[in-house]
Protein backbone atom coordinates (compact mmCIF):
# COMPACT_ATOMS: atom_id res chain seq x y z
CA MET A 1 -50.30 -36.90 -60.16
CA ASP A 2 -51.52 -33.44 -58.40
CA THR A 3 -54.94 -33.65 -56.82
CA TYR A 4 -56.73 -30.94 -59.52
CA SER A 5 -55.77 -33.50 -62.30
CA LEU A 6 -57.01 -36.77 -60.07
CA LEU A 7 -60.51 -34.73 -59.29
CA ARG A 8 -60.66 -33.56 -62.74
CA GLU A 9 -60.04 -37.13 -64.31
CA PHE A 10 -62.61 -38.78 -62.12
CA ALA A 11 -65.41 -35.59 -62.49
CA ASP A 12 -64.92 -36.23 -66.28
CA SER A 13 -65.71 -39.94 -66.64
CA TRP A 14 -66.86 -41.23 -63.79
CA VAL A 15 -69.30 -38.48 -62.50
CA LEU A 16 -70.41 -37.48 -66.05
CA LEU A 17 -71.61 -41.67 -66.36
CA ALA A 18 -73.28 -41.10 -62.60
CA MET A 19 -75.24 -38.17 -63.66
CA THR A 20 -76.22 -39.48 -66.50
CA LEU A 21 -77.82 -42.67 -65.60
CA PHE A 22 -79.62 -40.38 -62.88
CA PHE A 23 -80.61 -38.67 -65.20
CA VAL A 24 -82.61 -41.67 -67.42
CA GLY A 25 -83.35 -43.27 -64.03
CA VAL A 26 -85.64 -40.04 -63.15
CA ILE A 27 -87.03 -40.24 -66.58
CA ILE A 28 -87.59 -43.76 -66.64
CA TRP A 29 -89.30 -43.23 -63.16
CA ALA A 30 -91.33 -40.54 -64.02
CA PHE A 31 -93.01 -41.96 -67.39
CA ARG A 32 -93.58 -45.47 -65.58
CA PRO A 33 -96.84 -47.23 -67.07
CA GLY A 34 -99.37 -46.53 -64.63
CA SER A 35 -97.96 -43.21 -63.31
CA ALA A 36 -100.48 -41.39 -65.31
CA GLY A 37 -102.67 -41.16 -62.78
CA VAL A 38 -100.83 -40.04 -59.76
CA HIS A 39 -99.47 -36.98 -62.05
CA ALA A 40 -103.06 -36.58 -62.66
CA GLU A 41 -104.21 -36.20 -59.05
CA THR A 42 -100.86 -34.12 -58.22
CA ALA A 43 -102.09 -31.85 -61.08
CA SER A 44 -105.38 -31.13 -60.08
CA ILE A 45 -104.57 -30.07 -56.33
CA PRO A 46 -104.16 -26.37 -57.21
CA PHE A 47 -108.03 -26.81 -58.39
CA ARG A 48 -109.60 -28.91 -55.58
CA ASN A 49 -112.10 -26.32 -53.16
CA GLU A 50 -111.61 -23.87 -55.84
CA ASP A 51 -113.91 -20.50 -54.75
CA ALA A 52 -116.89 -19.54 -57.68
CA PRO A 53 -117.92 -16.16 -57.93
CA ASP A 54 -120.25 -14.98 -55.62
CA THR A 55 -124.32 -15.92 -56.11
CA PRO A 56 -126.37 -12.56 -57.73
CA ASP A 57 -127.09 -12.52 -53.99
CA GLY A 58 -123.90 -11.80 -52.67
CA ALA A 59 -123.59 -15.85 -50.77
CA PRO A 60 -120.11 -17.23 -51.78
CA GLN A 61 -120.20 -19.72 -54.01
CA THR A 62 -118.02 -22.94 -53.38
CA LYS A 63 -117.49 -25.72 -55.73
CA GLU A 64 -115.81 -28.52 -54.75
CA LEU A 65 -114.08 -30.60 -57.74
CA GLN A 66 -114.73 -34.27 -58.13
CA SER A 67 -112.40 -36.86 -59.66
């Protein structure tokens, strides 16, 4: 059996199984109980310390979001 056939057979079976298990593991880890708070905190990072529009007198107004 040449190298190409051996590697192809290995990739068709075991590597496919390993990639599938890795994918399922990542999905389970992302949707695990208790991770909603972590995801909500991460999703709000761009909105922290957001600059609000200037006030009528021209002074910048900053608004800090509180979680």
